């Protein structure tokens, strides 16, 4: 049975399910931000690094490599001198980014409630 066999049933709650790793990659601190930024459009590396404020060059490179491996991001080398690289979402990456941006929007719109809950919790 190959890794891409469509008869494989994923169960994220099962200890050895490969979907856990893919979920972790997409929802990691930098993964979710890179996917959300790429949902806005294609980015060259340095522009993406500026958009995802606070990420180091090394971490962004590792994150993009992992997301590319999982089939969420495409890395395209542009024919120019010097060569430039552009990143974009695959169709699957667009689906994942759409879900993640929904979560981001939900959290941002409820930030006052989150901050109030934190303050109440910390006061106890």
N, C-alpha and C. Protein backbone atom coordinates (compact mmCIF):
# COMPACT_ATOMS: atom_id res chain seq x y z
N UNK A 1 0.84 -1.17 0.00
CA UNK A 1 0.00 0.00 0.00
C UNK A 1 0.89 1.24 0.00
N UNK A 2 0.68 2.16 -0.93
CA UNK A 2 1.51 3.36 -1.01
C UNK A 2 0.99 4.43 -0.06
N UNK A 3 1.85 5.45 0.20
CA UNK A 3 1.46 6.54 1.10
C UNK A 3 0.32 7.36 0.54
N UNK A 4 0.14 7.36 -0.77
CA UNK A 4 -0.90 8.16 -1.39
C UNK A 4 -2.14 7.33 -1.70
N UNK A 5 -2.22 6.12 -1.20
CA UNK A 5 -3.36 5.24 -1.42
C UNK A 5 -4.61 5.88 -0.82
N UNK A 6 -5.64 6.06 -1.65
CA UNK A 6 -6.86 6.73 -1.20
C UNK A 6 -7.68 5.86 -0.25
N UNK A 7 -7.32 4.59 -0.07
CA UNK A 7 -8.07 3.73 0.85
C UNK A 7 -7.59 3.89 2.29
N UNK A 8 -6.53 4.68 2.49
CA UNK A 8 -6.02 4.92 3.84
C UNK A 8 -7.03 5.79 4.58
N UNK A 9 -7.39 5.34 5.75
CA UNK A 9 -8.33 6.10 6.55
C UNK A 9 -7.56 6.86 7.62
N UNK A 10 -7.69 8.17 7.59
CA UNK A 10 -6.98 9.01 8.55
C UNK A 10 -7.82 9.16 9.82
N UNK A 11 -7.16 9.10 10.94
CA UNK A 11 -7.80 9.32 12.24
C UNK A 11 -6.82 10.09 13.11
N UNK A 12 -7.00 11.40 13.18
CA UNK A 12 -6.06 12.27 13.88
C UNK A 12 -5.93 11.90 15.35
N UNK A 13 -6.91 11.18 15.90
CA UNK A 13 -6.83 10.79 17.30
C UNK A 13 -6.01 9.52 17.52
N UNK A 14 -5.67 8.82 16.43
CA UNK A 14 -4.83 7.63 16.53
C UNK A 14 -3.37 8.05 16.63
N UNK A 15 -2.66 7.45 17.55
CA UNK A 15 -1.28 7.82 17.85
C UNK A 15 -0.37 7.90 16.63
N UNK A 16 -0.44 6.95 15.73
CA UNK A 16 0.49 6.89 14.61
C UNK A 16 -0.08 7.41 13.30
N UNK A 17 -1.17 8.15 13.35
CA UNK A 17 -1.79 8.65 12.13
C UNK A 17 -0.95 9.78 11.53
N UNK A 18 -0.66 9.66 10.26
CA UNK A 18 0.15 10.67 9.57
C UNK A 18 -0.54 12.02 9.49
N UNK A 19 -1.85 12.03 9.64
CA UNK A 19 -2.55 13.32 9.57
C UNK A 19 -2.16 14.22 10.74
N UNK A 20 -1.73 13.64 11.85
CA UNK A 20 -1.28 14.45 12.99
C UNK A 20 -0.10 15.34 12.60
N UNK A 21 0.85 14.75 11.91
CA UNK A 21 2.04 15.52 11.51
C UNK A 21 1.66 16.62 10.54
N UNK A 22 0.82 16.32 9.56
CA UNK A 22 0.40 17.32 8.59
C UNK A 22 -0.40 18.43 9.28
N UNK A 23 -1.25 18.06 10.22
CA UNK A 23 -2.03 19.05 10.97
C UNK A 23 -1.10 19.94 11.79
N UNK A 24 -0.13 19.33 12.43
CA UNK A 24 0.83 20.08 13.23
C UNK A 24 1.62 21.05 12.36
N UNK A 25 2.02 20.62 11.17
CA UNK A 25 2.78 21.48 10.27
C UNK A 25 1.95 22.69 9.83
N UNK A 26 0.69 22.45 9.47
CA UNK A 26 -0.18 23.53 8.99
C UNK A 26 -0.56 24.49 10.10
N UNK A 27 -0.69 23.99 11.33
CA UNK A 27 -1.16 24.84 12.43
C UNK A 27 -0.04 25.27 13.37
N UNK A 28 1.19 25.04 12.97
CA UNK A 28 2.31 25.50 13.80
C UNK A 28 2.31 27.03 13.81
N UNK A 29 3.05 27.58 14.72
CA UNK A 29 3.12 29.04 14.87
C UNK A 29 3.37 29.74 13.54
N UNK A 30 4.35 29.26 12.78
CA UNK A 30 4.70 29.91 11.52
C UNK A 30 3.94 29.33 10.35
N UNK A 31 3.54 28.08 10.44
CA UNK A 31 2.79 27.46 9.35
C UNK A 31 1.47 28.16 9.09
N UNK A 32 0.72 28.41 10.16
CA UNK A 32 -0.58 29.06 10.00
C UNK A 32 -0.43 30.47 9.44
N UNK A 33 0.59 31.19 9.86
CA UNK A 33 0.79 32.55 9.37
C UNK A 33 1.28 32.56 7.92
N UNK A 34 2.15 31.63 7.56
CA UNK A 34 2.62 31.54 6.17
C UNK A 34 1.47 31.19 5.25
N UNK A 35 0.64 30.23 5.64
CA UNK A 35 -0.50 29.84 4.81
C UNK A 35 -1.51 30.98 4.68
N UNK A 36 -1.77 31.68 5.77
CA UNK A 36 -2.71 32.80 5.73
C UNK A 36 -2.18 33.92 4.84
N UNK A 37 -0.89 34.19 4.91
CA UNK A 37 -0.29 35.22 4.05
C UNK A 37 -0.37 34.81 2.59
N UNK A 38 -0.06 33.55 2.30
CA UNK A 38 -0.10 33.07 0.92
C UNK A 38 -1.53 33.03 0.38
N UNK A 39 -2.52 33.00 1.26
CA UNK A 39 -3.91 33.07 0.82
C UNK A 39 -4.21 34.44 0.21
N UNK A 40 -3.41 35.45 0.57
CA UNK A 40 -3.55 36.80 0.01
C UNK A 40 -3.00 36.87 -1.41
N UNK A 41 -2.10 35.95 -1.76
CA UNK A 41 -1.47 35.94 -3.08
C UNK A 41 -0.08 35.36 -3.00
N UNK A 42 0.56 35.24 -4.15
CA UNK A 42 1.91 34.69 -4.22
C UNK A 42 2.90 35.68 -3.61
N UNK A 43 3.94 35.13 -3.01
CA UNK A 43 4.97 35.96 -2.38
C UNK A 43 6.35 35.45 -2.75
N UNK A 44 7.27 36.37 -2.94
CA UNK A 44 8.67 36.00 -2.97
C UNK A 44 9.11 35.86 -1.52
N UNK A 45 10.22 35.17 -1.29
CA UNK A 45 10.64 34.80 0.06
C UNK A 45 10.74 36.00 1.00
N UNK A 46 11.49 37.02 0.60
CA UNK A 46 11.71 38.16 1.50
C UNK A 46 10.43 38.95 1.76
N UNK A 47 9.58 39.04 0.76
CA UNK A 47 8.29 39.73 0.97
C UNK A 47 7.42 38.94 1.95
N UNK A 48 7.46 37.63 1.84
CA UNK A 48 6.71 36.78 2.77
C UNK A 48 7.27 36.91 4.18
N UNK A 49 8.58 36.98 4.28
CA UNK A 49 9.22 37.14 5.58
C UNK A 49 8.83 38.48 6.22
N UNK A 50 8.73 39.52 5.42
CA UNK A 50 8.26 40.80 5.96
C UNK A 50 6.80 40.73 6.37
N UNK A 51 6.00 40.00 5.61
CA UNK A 51 4.57 39.89 5.92
C UNK A 51 4.35 39.12 7.22
N UNK A 52 5.12 38.06 7.42
CA UNK A 52 5.02 37.25 8.64
C UNK A 52 6.05 37.81 9.62
N UNK A 53 5.70 38.93 10.18
CA UNK A 53 6.60 39.68 11.06
C UNK A 53 7.08 38.83 12.24
N UNK A 54 8.39 38.82 12.45
CA UNK A 54 8.95 38.11 13.59
C UNK A 54 9.56 36.76 13.28
N UNK A 55 9.28 36.21 12.10
CA UNK A 55 9.85 34.91 11.75
C UNK A 55 11.28 35.10 11.23
N UNK A 56 12.16 34.20 11.66
CA UNK A 56 13.54 34.27 11.17
C UNK A 56 13.60 33.67 9.77
N UNK A 57 14.64 34.02 9.05
CA UNK A 57 14.84 33.47 7.71
C UNK A 57 14.89 31.94 7.75
N UNK A 58 15.61 31.42 8.73
CA UNK A 58 15.77 29.97 8.86
C UNK A 58 14.44 29.29 9.15
N UNK A 59 13.65 29.85 10.07
CA UNK A 59 12.36 29.23 10.42
C UNK A 59 11.38 29.29 9.26
N UNK A 60 11.35 30.42 8.55
CA UNK A 60 10.45 30.52 7.41
C UNK A 60 10.84 29.53 6.33
N UNK A 61 12.14 29.39 6.09
CA UNK A 61 12.62 28.44 5.10
C UNK A 61 12.21 27.02 5.48
N UNK A 62 12.41 26.64 6.73
CA UNK A 62 12.02 25.30 7.20
C UNK A 62 10.51 25.10 7.09
N UNK A 63 9.75 26.12 7.48
CA UNK A 63 8.29 26.03 7.43
C UNK A 63 7.81 25.84 6.00
N UNK A 64 8.33 26.65 5.09
CA UNK A 64 7.92 26.54 3.69
C UNK A 64 8.30 25.18 3.10
N UNK A 65 9.47 24.69 3.45
CA UNK A 65 9.90 23.37 2.98
C UNK A 65 8.93 22.29 3.47
N UNK A 66 8.54 22.36 4.72
CA UNK A 66 7.62 21.38 5.31
C UNK A 66 6.25 21.47 4.64
N UNK A 67 5.76 22.70 4.44
CA UNK A 67 4.46 22.88 3.80
C UNK A 67 4.49 22.43 2.34
N UNK A 68 5.63 22.60 1.69
CA UNK A 68 5.80 22.12 0.31
C UNK A 68 5.77 20.58 0.31
N UNK A 69 6.45 19.99 1.25
CA UNK A 69 6.49 18.52 1.35
C UNK A 69 5.09 17.95 1.58
N UNK A 70 4.27 18.67 2.35
CA UNK A 70 2.90 18.22 2.63
C UNK A 70 1.94 18.53 1.49
N UNK A 71 2.41 19.18 0.43
CA UNK A 71 1.57 19.45 -0.72
C UNK A 71 0.69 20.68 -0.58
N UNK A 72 1.05 21.59 0.33
CA UNK A 72 0.25 22.79 0.55
C UNK A 72 0.80 24.01 -0.16
N UNK A 73 2.10 24.00 -0.42
CA UNK A 73 2.79 25.16 -1.01
C UNK A 73 3.60 24.69 -2.21
N UNK A 74 3.67 25.56 -3.21
CA UNK A 74 4.51 25.32 -4.39
C UNK A 74 5.62 26.37 -4.41
N UNK A 75 6.82 25.90 -4.64
CA UNK A 75 8.00 26.78 -4.76
C UNK A 75 8.35 26.85 -6.24
N UNK A 76 8.34 28.06 -6.80
CA UNK A 76 8.63 28.25 -8.21
C UNK A 76 9.87 29.12 -8.36
N UNK A 77 10.86 28.62 -9.09
CA UNK A 77 12.06 29.40 -9.37
C UNK A 77 11.78 30.22 -10.62
N UNK A 78 11.84 31.54 -10.49
CA UNK A 78 11.57 32.44 -11.60
C UNK A 78 12.83 32.63 -12.43
N UNK A 79 12.68 32.63 -13.73
CA UNK A 79 13.81 32.81 -14.64
C UNK A 79 14.21 34.28 -14.66
N UNK A 80 15.20 34.61 -13.87
CA UNK A 80 15.71 35.97 -13.83
C UNK A 80 17.15 35.92 -13.35
N UNK A 81 17.83 37.04 -13.48
CA UNK A 81 19.20 37.13 -12.99
C UNK A 81 19.23 38.24 -11.96
N UNK A 82 19.52 37.95 -10.71
CA UNK A 82 19.70 36.60 -10.14
C UNK A 82 18.37 35.87 -10.06
N UNK A 83 18.41 34.53 -9.96
CA UNK A 83 17.18 33.76 -9.87
C UNK A 83 16.37 34.17 -8.63
N UNK A 84 15.07 34.21 -8.79
CA UNK A 84 14.19 34.54 -7.68
C UNK A 84 13.22 33.40 -7.47
N UNK A 85 12.76 33.26 -6.24
CA UNK A 85 11.85 32.18 -5.89
C UNK A 85 10.54 32.78 -5.41
N UNK A 86 9.44 32.17 -5.85
CA UNK A 86 8.12 32.62 -5.46
C UNK A 86 7.36 31.44 -4.86
N UNK A 87 6.56 31.73 -3.86
CA UNK A 87 5.77 30.70 -3.20
C UNK A 87 4.30 30.97 -3.42
N UNK A 88 3.53 29.90 -3.62
CA UNK A 88 2.10 30.00 -3.79
C UNK A 88 1.43 28.77 -3.19
N UNK A 89 0.13 28.83 -3.03
CA UNK A 89 -0.62 27.71 -2.47
C UNK A 89 -1.05 26.75 -3.57
N UNK A 90 -1.07 25.49 -3.24
CA UNK A 90 -1.66 24.48 -4.11
C UNK A 90 -3.17 24.53 -3.89
N UNK A 91 -3.95 23.81 -4.69
CA UNK A 91 -5.40 23.75 -4.42
C UNK A 91 -5.70 23.26 -3.00
N UNK A 92 -4.98 22.25 -2.53
CA UNK A 92 -5.16 21.78 -1.16
C UNK A 92 -4.75 22.85 -0.17
N UNK A 93 -3.65 23.54 -0.45
CA UNK A 93 -3.19 24.62 0.41
C UNK A 93 -4.22 25.74 0.51
N UNK A 94 -4.92 26.03 -0.58
CA UNK A 94 -5.99 27.04 -0.55
C UNK A 94 -7.13 26.61 0.36
N UNK A 95 -7.49 25.35 0.29
CA UNK A 95 -8.56 24.83 1.15
C UNK A 95 -8.17 24.94 2.62
N UNK A 96 -6.94 24.54 2.92
CA UNK A 96 -6.45 24.59 4.30
C UNK A 96 -6.37 26.04 4.76
N UNK A 97 -5.82 26.92 3.93
CA UNK A 97 -5.68 28.33 4.29
C UNK A 97 -7.04 28.97 4.52
N UNK A 98 -8.03 28.59 3.75
CA UNK A 98 -9.38 29.13 3.94
C UNK A 98 -9.92 28.79 5.33
N UNK A 99 -9.70 27.56 5.76
CA UNK A 99 -10.13 27.16 7.10
C UNK A 99 -9.35 27.90 8.18
N UNK A 100 -8.05 28.02 7.97
CA UNK A 100 -7.21 28.68 8.97
C UNK A 100 -7.51 30.17 9.06
N UNK A 101 -7.76 30.82 7.93
CA UNK A 101 -8.08 32.25 7.98
C UNK A 101 -9.43 32.46 8.65
N UNK A 102 -10.33 31.50 8.53
CA UNK A 102 -11.59 31.58 9.27
C UNK A 102 -11.33 31.54 10.77
N UNK A 103 -10.44 30.67 11.20
CA UNK A 103 -10.07 30.59 12.62
C UNK A 103 -9.38 31.88 13.07
N UNK A 104 -8.50 32.41 12.24
CA UNK A 104 -7.81 33.66 12.57
C UNK A 104 -8.84 34.78 12.73
N UNK A 105 -9.76 34.88 11.79
CA UNK A 105 -10.80 35.92 11.86
C UNK A 105 -11.64 35.78 13.12
N UNK A 106 -11.99 34.55 13.47
CA UNK A 106 -12.77 34.29 14.67
C UNK A 106 -12.02 34.74 15.92
N UNK A 107 -10.75 34.40 16.01
CA UNK A 107 -9.95 34.78 17.18
C UNK A 107 -9.74 36.29 17.24
N UNK A 108 -9.46 36.91 16.10
CA UNK A 108 -9.24 38.36 16.11
C UNK A 108 -10.52 39.11 16.48
N UNK A 109 -11.66 38.66 15.99
CA UNK A 109 -12.90 39.37 16.29
C UNK A 109 -13.35 39.16 17.73
N UNK A 110 -12.85 38.13 18.37
CA UNK A 110 -13.19 37.85 19.76
C UNK A 110 -12.05 38.15 20.72
N UNK A 111 -11.07 38.90 20.27
CA UNK A 111 -9.91 39.21 21.10
C UNK A 111 -10.29 39.90 22.42
N UNK A 112 -11.24 40.85 22.43
CA UNK A 112 -11.62 41.45 23.71
C UNK A 112 -12.12 40.41 24.73
N UNK A 113 -12.89 39.43 24.27
CA UNK A 113 -13.38 38.38 25.18
C UNK A 113 -12.23 37.51 25.68
N UNK A 114 -11.27 37.22 24.80
CA UNK A 114 -10.10 36.42 25.18
C UNK A 114 -9.28 37.18 26.23
N UNK A 115 -9.05 38.46 26.00
CA UNK A 115 -8.26 39.25 26.94
C UNK A 115 -8.97 39.37 28.29
N UNK A 116 -10.29 39.51 28.26
CA UNK A 116 -11.06 39.58 29.51
C UNK A 116 -10.98 38.25 30.26
N UNK A 117 -11.08 37.14 29.54
CA UNK A 117 -10.98 35.82 30.16
C UNK A 117 -9.60 35.61 30.79
N UNK A 118 -8.56 36.05 30.09
CA UNK A 118 -7.20 35.96 30.64
C UNK A 118 -7.06 36.76 31.92
N UNK A 119 -7.57 37.98 31.87
CA UNK A 119 -7.46 38.85 33.06
C UNK A 119 -8.21 38.25 34.24
N UNK A 120 -9.39 37.70 33.98
CA UNK A 120 -10.19 37.07 35.04
C UNK A 120 -9.46 35.85 35.59
N UNK A 121 -8.90 35.04 34.70
CA UNK A 121 -8.18 33.85 35.13
C UNK A 121 -6.95 34.22 35.96
N UNK A 122 -6.19 35.20 35.49
CA UNK A 122 -4.97 35.61 36.18
C UNK A 122 -5.26 36.26 37.53
N UNK A 123 -6.45 36.85 37.68
CA UNK A 123 -6.82 37.50 38.94
C UNK A 123 -7.16 36.47 40.01
N UNK A 124 -7.52 35.26 39.60
CA UNK A 124 -7.88 34.22 40.57
C UNK A 124 -6.69 33.68 41.31
